[in-house]
Amino acid sequence: MTARKHQLAARFGAATEYDGAARIQHLVAARLAERIAAGAPPPARILELGCGTGFLGAHLRRLFPDADLTVTDLAPEMVARARQRLGEDGKTRFLTLDAEDPAAAGSGYDLICSSLSMQWFADRATTLARLAALLAPGGMMGFSTLCAGSFAEWRAVHQAAGVPCATPAYPDTATLQADWPWPGQGRWQTETVIDRPASPLAFLRELRQIGASLPQDGARPLGAGTMRRLLAALDARGASQGAPVMTYRIGYGMFRAPPQKGVFVTGTDTGVGKTLVSACLVRAWGARYWKPLQTGIAEETADADTLAALGACAPAAIHPAFATLAAPLSPLDAAELAGTPLDVSGIALPPPADPRPLVVEGAGGVMVPVTADCMMIDLIARFALPVILVARSGLGTINHTLLTLQALRERGIAVAGIVLNGPPSAAARRAVTQFGHTRILAEFPHLDRIGPEQVETLARTLPDFATIWRTRD
């Protein structure tokens, strides 16, 4: 353990008045617990990091009474206080653990979470990758942390006085998003919490009482005279607002690991070439194939049959569709026309029976309705596989592609890349990469004929699966 880690553990371990001063910690733990409960099915195994005195742990035990819960903190004294709060129930394990070196906690967790401890990570991206490796397939991580804009008032009086602020500059959500183990996977949202300490001096005392007053590495303590001037400036600032205030910008991040190795192929619209791209991916990777919702078989061959005819894979590697509908309409409309409404609660990924990856092909684009209360993007989010987006290369593709990318990212869905289909367009490629911030995996030319030979040729232009299925080292 580094010297700074020893300092952190000592500070938090000595915070005997933590509960009385931790108003923000109490509030944020409750809100994080609500987000966790809304975002995942009940987890069987939970790992909590930086437990403090057990605020979040108490919520987790209430929400998931049957789960096996491992509660950890860097400071053994905090672990002891959490044990006192939560009690011994036979399902809760207490462990002194450095969250940045979590291997001792074991693996196979359905949920890994932490409230307001991530800001102490020295290497956030590496730590998140290590934690993601402890998740079970499809497992979720949920965090809260301080973001840019926190302690704005305290930083402002330092700046006005021309002295450095020992409070660190916290990251914005774009930086946090880039640190997820899967680029683009997961989502950060923020809220502003306004705290009203009794006085500026009370604000500083409460930071010490919760153990959070440790300065940045290399920061020198300020003299008593300078500190008095800063507190007076903060007091004057508060007087202009009627009372002392302190702003906290809280980030809530939710990340879900893919449940198995695979990708979801979607398009900017229908007829854009999803089946051709899927066939090439299956051929290139020796993958399995699944199209859960097939419509339009009254007029066209089912896509699974097309895949087999193109020589992409053997029929045994093709999983049966969840629903096959005759009309060339959206799944919602085709099902209503057939008088067989869809129940999407039964749609689940085929089990990973062998090491081959799974290529899932959607129906139409991401905003195609599946049922009255479910769009294709909802299924994509449920499956939690990175997306390969198929787009036309010509006129209109910039708008369609950027809108689709925006919709996926707003849902925290990772985009592995784009395949452009049709006559090459340098302008479209440049716009999509520049404004979509997404790599082009391949460009398929216009083909007068599509058969096994063409699929074999195009498959060789695609990246290998390891390049698509990437995490941070």
Protein backbone atom coordinates (compact mmCIF):
# COMPACT_ATOMS: atom_id res chain seq x y z
CA MET A 1 0.00 0.00 0.00
CA THR A 2 1.33 3.44 -0.90
CA ALA A 3 2.06 6.14 1.67
CA ARG A 4 -0.97 8.09 0.49
CA LYS A 5 -3.19 5.03 0.87
CA HIS A 6 -1.94 4.67 4.46
CA GLN A 7 -2.82 8.34 5.01
CA LEU A 8 -6.29 7.84 3.56
CA ALA A 9 -6.93 4.76 5.68
CA ALA A 10 -5.73 6.59 8.81
CA ARG A 11 -7.87 9.67 8.10
CA PHE A 12 -11.04 7.70 7.51
CA GLY A 13 -10.30 5.30 10.33
CA ALA A 14 -10.00 8.21 12.75
CA ALA A 15 -13.29 9.78 11.59
CA THR A 16 -15.24 8.83 14.70
CA GLU A 17 -17.79 11.61 14.13
CA TYR A 18 -18.49 10.52 10.54
CA ASP A 19 -22.20 9.80 10.82
CA GLY A 20 -23.07 13.19 12.28
CA ALA A 21 -21.27 15.14 9.54
CA ALA A 22 -21.96 12.95 6.51
CA ARG A 23 -25.20 14.53 5.31
CA ILE A 24 -24.22 14.44 1.64
CA GLN A 25 -22.89 10.88 1.91
CA HIS A 26 -26.17 9.73 3.43
CA LEU A 27 -28.24 11.40 0.70
CA VAL A 28 -26.09 10.20 -2.20
CA ALA A 29 -26.01 6.60 -0.93
CA ALA A 30 -29.81 6.53 -0.93
CA ARG A 31 -30.02 7.94 -4.45
CA LEU A 32 -27.40 5.54 -5.78
CA ALA A 33 -29.30 2.62 -4.25
CA GLU A 34 -32.47 3.77 -6.03
CA ARG A 35 -30.67 3.85 -9.37
CA ILE A 36 -29.18 0.42 -8.81
CA ALA A 37 -32.57 -1.06 -7.96
CA ALA A 38 -34.12 0.47 -11.07
CA GLY A 39 -31.34 -0.66 -13.40
CA ALA A 40 -30.84 -4.33 -12.72
CA PRO A 41 -32.61 -7.54 -11.71
CA PRO A 42 -31.97 -8.61 -8.10
CA PRO A 43 -28.27 -9.56 -7.86
CA ALA A 44 -27.21 -12.78 -6.16
CA ARG A 45 -23.72 -11.54 -5.21
CA ILE A 46 -22.79 -7.92 -4.38
CA LEU A 47 -19.43 -6.28 -3.72
CA GLU A 48 -19.46 -2.84 -2.07
CA LEU A 49 -16.28 -0.75 -2.05
CA GLY A 50 -15.51 2.12 0.33
CA CYS A 51 -18.39 1.22 2.63
CA GLY A 52 -17.80 3.96 5.21
CA THR A 53 -20.09 3.31 8.14
CA GLY A 54 -22.57 1.34 6.05
CA PHE A 55 -24.97 3.89 4.50
CA LEU A 56 -25.12 2.19 1.10
CA GLY A 57 -24.79 -1.29 2.58
CA ALA A 58 -27.94 -0.77 4.63
CA HIS A 59 -29.88 0.16 1.50
CA LEU A 60 -28.48 -2.81 -0.41
CA ARG A 61 -29.45 -5.21 2.38
CA ARG A 62 -32.97 -3.77 2.42
CA LEU A 63 -33.38 -3.88 -1.36
CA PHE A 64 -31.75 -7.28 -1.89
CA PRO A 65 -32.32 -9.29 1.31
CA ASP A 66 -31.40 -12.62 -0.28
CA ALA A 67 -28.11 -11.49 -1.82
CA ASP A 68 -24.66 -12.43 -0.57
CA LEU A 69 -23.12 -9.04 0.26
CA THR A 70 -19.39 -8.36 0.64
CA VAL A 71 -18.78 -5.01 2.35
CA THR A 72 -15.27 -3.52 2.11
CA ASP A 73 -13.27 -0.44 2.97
CA LEU A 74 -9.62 0.63 2.98
CA ALA A 75 -9.87 1.53 6.69
CA PRO A 76 -10.45 -1.44 9.05
CA GLU A 77 -12.14 0.92 11.52
CA MET A 78 -14.76 1.78 8.90
CA VAL A 79 -15.36 -1.91 8.21
CA ALA A 80 -15.96 -2.41 11.92
CA ARG A 81 -18.48 0.45 12.01
CA ALA A 82 -20.29 -0.92 8.96
CA ARG A 83 -20.42 -4.31 10.68
CA GLN A 84 -21.99 -2.65 13.71
CA ARG A 85 -24.61 -0.93 11.53
CA LEU A 86 -25.49 -3.94 9.37
CA GLY A 87 -25.09 -6.69 11.96
CA GLU A 88 -24.27 -10.35 11.46
CA ASP A 89 -26.87 -12.08 9.30
CA GLY A 90 -24.91 -14.95 7.72
CA LYS A 91 -25.15 -13.37 4.28
CA THR A 92 -22.87 -10.36 4.78
CA ARG A 93 -19.07 -10.60 4.67
CA PHE A 94 -16.84 -7.77 5.92
CA LEU A 95 -13.40 -7.25 4.43
CA THR A 96 -10.61 -4.67 4.63
CA LEU A 97 -9.75 -4.07 0.98
CA ASP A 98 -8.05 -1.55 -1.29
CA ALA A 99 -10.56 -0.98 -4.12
CA GLU A 100 -7.68 -0.39 -6.54
CA ASP A 101 -6.33 -3.87 -5.79
CA PRO A 102 -9.57 -5.86 -5.46
CA ALA A 103 -8.45 -9.41 -6.33
CA ALA A 104 -8.80 -10.59 -2.71
CA ALA A 105 -12.56 -10.03 -2.93
CA GLY A 106 -12.92 -12.88 -5.44
CA SER A 107 -15.00 -12.73 -8.62
CA GLY A 108 -18.37 -13.61 -10.11
CA TYR A 109 -20.25 -10.60 -8.72
CA ASP A 110 -23.59 -9.57 -10.19
CA LEU A 111 -23.20 -6.05 -8.77
CA ILE A 112 -20.12 -4.03 -7.80
CA CYS A 113 -20.89 -0.63 -6.32
CA SER A 114 -19.48 2.25 -4.35
CA SER A 115 -20.78 5.60 -3.14
CA LEU A 116 -18.43 8.60 -3.06
CA SER A 117 -15.16 6.70 -2.93
CA MET A 118 -14.17 6.73 -6.60
CA GLN A 119 -12.74 10.24 -6.28
CA TRP A 120 -9.94 8.70 -4.21
CA PHE A 121 -8.84 6.29 -6.96
CA ALA A 122 -5.32 7.14 -8.13
CA ASP A 123 -5.86 5.41 -11.49
CA ARG A 124 -9.58 5.34 -12.22
CA ALA A 125 -9.52 3.64 -15.64
CA THR A 126 -7.23 0.81 -14.52
CA THR A 127 -9.25 0.27 -11.35
CA LEU A 128 -12.53 0.10 -13.27
CA ALA A 129 -11.04 -2.47 -15.64
CA ARG A 130 -9.91 -4.58 -12.69
CA LEU A 131 -13.34 -4.36 -11.12
CA ALA A 132 -15.07 -5.23 -14.40
CA ALA A 133 -12.99 -8.40 -14.50
CA LEU A 134 -14.65 -9.44 -11.22
CA LEU A 135 -18.16 -9.20 -12.69
CA ALA A 136 -20.19 -12.22 -13.68
CA PRO A 137 -21.38 -12.17 -17.32
CA GLY A 138 -24.04 -9.47 -17.56
CA GLY A 139 -23.08 -8.08 -14.15
CA MET A 140 -23.44 -4.38 -13.33
CA MET A 141 -21.33 -1.69 -11.71
CA GLY A 142 -22.90 1.34 -10.04
CA PHE A 143 -20.95 4.29 -8.68
CA SER A 144 -21.41 7.78 -7.37
CA THR A 145 -18.58 10.29 -7.28
CA LEU A 146 -17.81 13.99 -7.07
CA CYS A 147 -17.67 15.73 -10.43
CA ALA A 148 -16.39 19.00 -11.85
CA GLY A 149 -18.15 21.92 -10.19
CA SER A 150 -18.04 20.47 -6.67
CA PHE A 151 -16.97 22.94 -3.95
CA ALA A 152 -17.21 25.74 -6.52
CA GLU A 153 -17.59 28.36 -3.78
CA TRP A 154 -14.51 27.17 -1.89
CA ARG A 155 -12.44 27.08 -5.06
CA ALA A 156 -13.66 30.56 -6.03
CA VAL A 157 -12.40 32.23 -2.85
CA HIS A 158 -9.03 30.52 -3.29
CA GLN A 159 -8.82 31.81 -6.85
CA ALA A 160 -9.78 35.33 -5.80
CA ALA A 161 -7.10 35.27 -3.10
CA GLY A 162 -4.50 33.95 -5.54
CA VAL A 163 -3.68 30.85 -3.47
CA PRO A 164 -3.80 27.21 -4.62
CA CYS A 165 -6.79 25.14 -3.53
CA ALA A 166 -6.01 21.81 -1.87
CA THR A 167 -9.36 20.45 -3.04
CA PRO A 168 -8.73 18.45 -6.23
CA ALA A 169 -10.20 19.32 -9.61
CA TYR A 170 -12.80 16.61 -10.09
CA PRO A 171 -13.46 15.07 -13.54
CA ASP A 172 -16.35 15.94 -15.81
CA THR A 173 -18.72 13.25 -17.07
CA ALA A 174 -16.98 13.02 -20.46
CA THR A 175 -13.76 12.03 -18.69
CA LEU A 176 -15.59 9.54 -16.51
CA GLN A 177 -17.34 8.08 -19.56
CA ALA A 178 -14.00 7.55 -21.31
CA ASP A 179 -12.73 5.59 -18.30
CA TRP A 180 -15.33 2.82 -18.49
CA PRO A 181 -13.75 -0.57 -19.28
CA TRP A 182 -15.76 -0.73 -22.51
CA PRO A 183 -15.58 2.61 -24.34
CA GLY A 184 -19.13 3.92 -24.72
CA GLN A 185 -20.70 1.24 -22.55
CA GLY A 186 -22.45 2.59 -19.50
CA ARG A 187 -23.80 6.02 -18.71
CA TRP A 188 -23.03 8.89 -16.36
CA GLN A 189 -25.65 11.35 -15.15
CA THR A 190 -25.19 14.25 -12.76
CA GLU A 191 -27.18 16.19 -10.23
CA THR A 192 -26.42 19.29 -8.20
CA VAL A 193 -26.80 19.11 -4.44
CA ILE A 194 -26.69 22.34 -2.44
CA ASP A 195 -25.52 21.88 1.13
CA ARG A 196 -26.02 24.56 3.79
CA PRO A 197 -23.42 24.20 6.54
CA ALA A 198 -23.91 26.25 9.68
CA SER A 199 -20.87 28.37 8.82
CA PRO A 200 -17.73 28.26 6.66
CA LEU A 201 -15.79 26.98 9.67
CA ALA A 202 -18.40 24.26 10.17
CA PHE A 203 -17.87 23.24 6.52
CA LEU A 204 -14.16 22.68 7.14
CA ARG A 205 -14.76 20.90 10.43
CA GLU A 206 -17.24 18.54 8.78
CA LEU A 207 -14.72 17.66 6.06
CA ARG A 208 -12.29 16.70 8.82
CA GLN A 209 -14.97 14.79 10.71
CA ILE A 210 -15.64 12.56 7.70
CA GLY A 211 -11.92 12.13 6.95
CA ALA A 212 -12.11 13.97 3.61
CA SER A 213 -9.71 16.83 4.32
CA LEU A 214 -6.56 15.16 3.00
CA PRO A 215 -4.97 17.58 0.47
CA GLN A 216 -3.74 16.66 -2.98
CA ASP A 217 -0.29 15.15 -3.32
CA GLY A 218 2.29 17.95 -3.11
CA ALA A 219 -0.16 20.56 -1.80
CA ARG A 220 1.26 22.60 1.09
CA PRO A 221 -0.96 23.46 4.07
CA LEU A 222 -2.06 27.08 4.18
CA GLY A 223 -1.11 29.31 7.07
CA ALA A 224 -3.60 30.23 9.75
CA GLY A 225 -3.83 33.83 8.55
CA THR A 226 -4.53 32.81 4.95
CA MET A 227 -7.14 30.31 6.09
CA ARG A 228 -8.91 32.98 8.18
CA ARG A 229 -9.06 35.27 5.14
CA LEU A 230 -10.48 32.48 2.98
CA LEU A 231 -13.14 31.63 5.56
CA ALA A 232 -14.08 35.32 5.85
CA ALA A 233 -14.40 35.57 2.07
CA LEU A 234 -16.55 32.44 2.03
CA ASP A 235 -18.69 33.87 4.81
CA ALA A 236 -19.17 37.12 2.88
CA ARG A 237 -20.07 35.16 -0.21
CA GLY A 238 -22.67 33.23 1.77
CA ALA A 239 -24.07 36.39 3.34
CA SER A 240 -24.90 37.70 -0.12
CA GLN A 241 -27.01 34.55 -0.65
CA GLY A 242 -28.68 34.68 2.75
CA ALA A 243 -26.75 31.73 4.20
CA PRO A 244 -23.54 29.76 3.60
CA VAL A 245 -23.90 27.30 0.74
CA MET A 246 -21.64 24.67 -0.78
CA THR A 247 -22.26 23.05 -4.15
CA TYR A 248 -21.75 19.35 -4.76
CA ARG A 249 -21.91 18.00 -8.30
CA ILE A 250 -22.66 14.30 -7.99
CA GLY A 251 -22.12 11.86 -10.84
CA TYR A 252 -23.98 8.55 -10.95
CA GLY A 253 -22.49 5.95 -13.28
CA MET A 254 -24.10 2.66 -14.28
CA PHE A 255 -22.19 0.10 -16.33
CA ARG A 256 -23.24 -3.36 -17.43
CA ALA A 257 -20.80 -5.99 -18.66
CA PRO A 258 -21.78 -7.88 -21.80
CA PRO A 259 -23.43 -11.18 -20.87
CA GLN A 260 -21.42 -13.11 -23.48
CA LYS A 261 -19.06 -12.52 -26.38
CA GLY A 262 -20.90 -11.09 -29.31
CA VAL A 263 -22.21 -8.03 -31.13
CA PHE A 264 -25.58 -6.60 -32.07
CA VAL A 265 -25.89 -5.54 -35.71
CA THR A 266 -28.32 -2.70 -36.28
CA GLY A 267 -28.82 -0.25 -39.11
CA THR A 268 -29.73 3.33 -39.80
CA ASP A 269 -32.91 2.03 -41.49
CA THR A 270 -34.32 -1.05 -43.15
CA GLY A 271 -32.73 -2.58 -46.24
CA VAL A 272 -29.37 -1.00 -45.45
CA GLY A 273 -27.38 -4.24 -45.56
CA LYS A 274 -27.56 -5.65 -42.01
CA THR A 275 -27.92 -9.23 -43.19
CA LEU A 276 -24.95 -8.97 -45.56
CA VAL A 277 -22.78 -7.50 -42.82
CA SER A 278 -24.01 -10.14 -40.36
CA ALA A 279 -23.17 -12.89 -42.85
CA CYS A 280 -19.65 -11.48 -43.29
CA LEU A 281 -19.12 -11.19 -39.55
CA VAL A 282 -20.29 -14.76 -38.98
CA ARG A 283 -18.02 -15.95 -41.77
CA ALA A 284 -15.01 -13.93 -40.55
CA TRP A 285 -15.31 -14.98 -36.92
CA GLY A 286 -16.76 -18.48 -37.21
CA ALA A 287 -19.63 -17.09 -35.15
CA ARG A 288 -23.15 -18.13 -34.29
CA TYR A 289 -26.12 -16.14 -35.64
CA TRP A 290 -29.46 -15.12 -34.19
CA LYS A 291 -32.21 -12.88 -35.52
CA PRO A 292 -34.74 -12.74 -32.69
CA LEU A 293 -37.49 -10.97 -34.66
CA GLN A 294 -38.01 -11.78 -38.33
CA THR A 295 -40.67 -9.99 -40.35
CA GLY A 296 -41.53 -9.89 -44.06
CA ILE A 297 -41.27 -13.59 -44.90
CA ALA A 298 -44.40 -13.28 -47.05
CA GLU A 299 -42.29 -11.39 -49.59
CA GLU A 300 -38.66 -12.30 -48.87
CA THR A 301 -36.54 -15.19 -47.66
CA ALA A 302 -35.91 -15.22 -43.92
CA ASP A 303 -32.55 -13.70 -43.08
CA ALA A 304 -31.37 -16.88 -41.34
CA ASP A 305 -32.02 -18.84 -44.57
CA THR A 306 -30.16 -16.16 -46.55
CA LEU A 307 -27.20 -16.51 -44.21
CA ALA A 308 -27.05 -20.26 -44.76
CA ALA A 309 -27.39 -19.85 -48.53
CA LEU A 310 -24.48 -17.42 -48.54
CA GLY A 311 -22.27 -20.01 -46.93
CA ALA A 312 -21.65 -17.89 -43.86
CA CYS A 313 -22.15 -20.78 -41.46
CA ALA A 314 -23.70 -24.19 -41.06
CA PRO A 315 -27.40 -24.35 -40.11
CA ALA A 316 -26.38 -25.69 -36.69
CA ALA A 317 -24.78 -22.32 -35.89
CA ILE A 318 -28.08 -20.46 -36.51
CA HIS A 319 -30.37 -20.05 -33.51
CA PRO A 320 -34.13 -20.08 -34.14
CA ALA A 321 -35.97 -16.76 -34.12
CA PHE A 322 -38.11 -15.79 -31.16
CA ALA A 323 -40.88 -14.74 -33.54
CA THR A 324 -41.33 -14.98 -37.33
CA LEU A 325 -44.00 -12.77 -38.89
CA ALA A 326 -45.30 -12.57 -42.46
CA ALA A 327 -45.90 -8.88 -43.09
CA PRO A 328 -42.98 -6.62 -44.15
CA LEU A 329 -43.68 -4.21 -41.29
CA SER A 330 -42.27 -3.34 -37.90
CA PRO A 331 -42.53 -6.20 -35.38
CA LEU A 332 -45.32 -4.29 -33.61
CA ASP A 333 -47.43 -3.83 -36.73
CA ALA A 334 -46.66 -7.27 -38.18
CA ALA A 335 -47.66 -8.94 -34.91
CA GLU A 336 -50.88 -6.94 -34.65
CA LEU A 337 -51.74 -7.77 -38.26
CA ALA A 338 -51.19 -11.45 -37.53
CA GLY A 339 -53.23 -11.26 -34.34
CA THR A 340 -50.31 -12.51 -32.26
CA PRO A 341 -49.04 -9.71 -29.99
CA LEU A 342 -45.44 -10.13 -28.89
CA ASP A 343 -44.42 -10.67 -25.27
CA VAL A 344 -40.86 -9.37 -25.19
CA SER A 345 -40.31 -10.49 -21.60
CA GLY A 346 -39.50 -13.91 -23.05
CA ILE A 347 -36.77 -12.68 -25.42
CA ALA A 348 -33.35 -13.67 -24.11
CA LEU A 349 -29.95 -14.23 -25.70
CA PRO A 350 -29.23 -17.83 -26.66
CA PRO A 351 -26.93 -19.39 -24.05
CA PRO A 352 -23.19 -19.41 -24.87
CA ALA A 353 -23.00 -23.14 -25.40
CA ASP A 354 -19.56 -22.92 -27.02
CA PRO A 355 -16.70 -20.39 -27.29
CA ARG A 356 -17.91 -18.95 -30.59
CA PRO A 357 -19.15 -15.35 -30.47
CA LEU A 358 -22.78 -14.51 -31.22
CA VAL A 359 -23.89 -12.12 -33.98
CA VAL A 360 -27.38 -10.78 -33.27
CA GLU A 361 -29.20 -9.01 -36.09
CA GLY A 362 -31.95 -6.52 -35.34
CA ALA A 363 -35.03 -5.68 -37.35
CA GLY A 364 -34.88 -2.26 -39.02
CA GLY A 365 -33.28 0.59 -37.08
CA VAL A 366 -32.95 1.33 -33.38
CA MET A 367 -36.26 3.19 -33.08
CA VAL A 368 -38.41 0.54 -34.72
CA PRO A 369 -41.33 -0.39 -32.41
CA VAL A 370 -41.42 -3.97 -31.18
CA THR A 371 -44.43 -3.63 -28.89
CA ALA A 372 -46.49 -0.70 -27.66
CA ASP A 373 -43.93 -0.04 -24.91
CA CYS A 374 -40.71 -1.49 -26.35
CA MET A 375 -38.45 -0.25 -29.15
CA MET A 376 -35.59 -2.11 -30.79
CA ILE A 377 -33.17 0.04 -28.77
CA ASP A 378 -34.72 -1.31 -25.57
CA LEU A 379 -33.81 -4.84 -26.63
CA ILE A 380 -30.30 -3.71 -27.55
CA ALA A 381 -29.89 -2.19 -24.09
CA ARG A 382 -31.18 -5.37 -22.47
CA PHE A 383 -28.79 -7.59 -24.40
CA ALA A 384 -25.85 -5.28 -23.47
CA LEU A 385 -23.76 -6.29 -26.48
CA PRO A 386 -21.63 -3.72 -28.30
CA VAL A 387 -23.26 -2.50 -31.48
CA ILE A 388 -22.03 -2.59 -35.05
CA LEU A 389 -23.96 0.01 -37.01
CA VAL A 390 -24.59 -0.53 -40.72
CA ALA A 391 -25.12 2.67 -42.69
CA ARG A 392 -25.48 3.64 -46.32
CA SER A 393 -22.43 5.36 -47.74
CA GLY A 394 -24.30 7.92 -49.84
CA LEU A 395 -26.76 10.79 -49.57
CA GLY A 396 -28.52 11.08 -46.21
CA THR A 397 -26.20 8.82 -44.29
CA ILE A 398 -24.62 11.60 -42.22
CA ASN A 399 -27.89 12.65 -40.60
CA HIS A 400 -29.21 9.10 -40.14
CA THR A 401 -25.92 7.78 -38.77
CA LEU A 402 -25.28 10.62 -36.32
CA LEU A 403 -28.84 10.47 -34.98
CA THR A 404 -28.55 6.70 -34.46
CA LEU A 405 -25.21 7.08 -32.68
CA GLN A 406 -26.70 9.76 -30.44
CA ALA A 407 -29.65 7.53 -29.51
CA LEU A 408 -27.34 4.62 -28.65
CA ARG A 409 -25.01 6.73 -26.53
CA GLU A 410 -27.84 8.32 -24.61
CA ARG A 411 -28.75 4.80 -23.50
CA GLY A 412 -25.16 3.94 -22.54
CA ILE A 413 -24.79 1.38 -25.33
CA ALA A 414 -21.26 0.78 -26.64
CA VAL A 415 -20.68 1.18 -30.37
CA ALA A 416 -17.92 -1.06 -31.70
CA GLY A 417 -17.90 0.69 -35.06
CA ILE A 418 -19.64 1.35 -38.36
CA VAL A 419 -19.78 -0.51 -41.64
CA LEU A 420 -20.56 1.75 -44.62
CA ASN A 421 -22.39 -0.05 -47.40
CA GLY A 422 -22.45 1.19 -51.01
CA PRO A 423 -20.37 3.37 -53.33
CA PRO A 424 -17.56 4.99 -51.29
CA SER A 425 -18.00 8.60 -50.23
CA ALA A 426 -15.03 10.41 -48.69
CA ALA A 427 -17.27 13.23 -47.46
CA ALA A 428 -19.65 10.85 -45.66
CA ARG A 429 -16.79 8.91 -44.11
CA ARG A 430 -15.12 12.08 -42.84
CA ALA A 431 -18.33 13.50 -41.35
CA VAL A 432 -19.30 10.24 -39.66
CA THR A 433 -15.88 9.73 -38.05
CA GLN A 434 -15.38 13.39 -37.12
CA PHE A 435 -18.78 14.09 -35.62
CA GLY A 436 -19.77 10.55 -34.65
CA HIS A 437 -16.45 9.85 -32.90
CA THR A 438 -16.66 6.28 -34.14
CA ARG A 439 -14.32 4.20 -36.22
CA ILE A 440 -15.21 2.79 -39.60
CA LEU A 441 -14.72 -0.98 -39.45
CA ALA A 442 -15.14 -1.57 -43.18
CA GLU A 443 -16.58 -0.13 -46.36
CA PHE A 444 -18.52 -2.56 -48.53
CA PRO A 445 -18.79 -1.57 -52.20
CA HIS A 446 -21.96 -1.81 -54.25
CA LEU A 447 -22.31 -5.40 -55.50
CA ASP A 448 -24.37 -6.48 -58.51
CA ARG A 449 -24.34 -10.02 -57.20
CA ILE A 450 -24.06 -11.37 -53.65
CA GLY A 451 -23.06 -14.98 -53.13
CA PRO A 452 -20.71 -17.10 -51.02
CA GLU A 453 -17.66 -15.85 -52.94
CA GLN A 454 -18.51 -12.19 -52.29
CA VAL A 455 -19.19 -12.89 -48.61
CA GLU A 456 -15.82 -14.62 -48.30
CA THR A 457 -14.06 -11.65 -49.92
CA LEU A 458 -15.80 -9.04 -47.79
CA ALA A 459 -15.27 -11.05 -44.60
CA ARG A 460 -11.52 -10.71 -45.08
CA THR A 461 -11.84 -6.90 -44.86
CA LEU A 462 -13.35 -6.98 -41.37
CA PRO A 463 -11.31 -6.70 -38.13
CA ASP A 464 -10.84 -9.88 -36.14
CA PHE A 465 -13.12 -10.48 -33.21
CA ALA A 466 -10.49 -9.65 -30.58
CA THR A 467 -10.29 -6.13 -32.00
CA ILE A 468 -14.05 -5.68 -31.68
CA TRP A 469 -14.32 -7.35 -28.28
CA ARG A 470 -11.95 -5.05 -26.49
CA THR A 471 -11.57 -3.91 -22.91
CA ARG A 472 -8.90 -1.80 -21.28
CA ASP A 473 -5.71 -3.58 -20.27
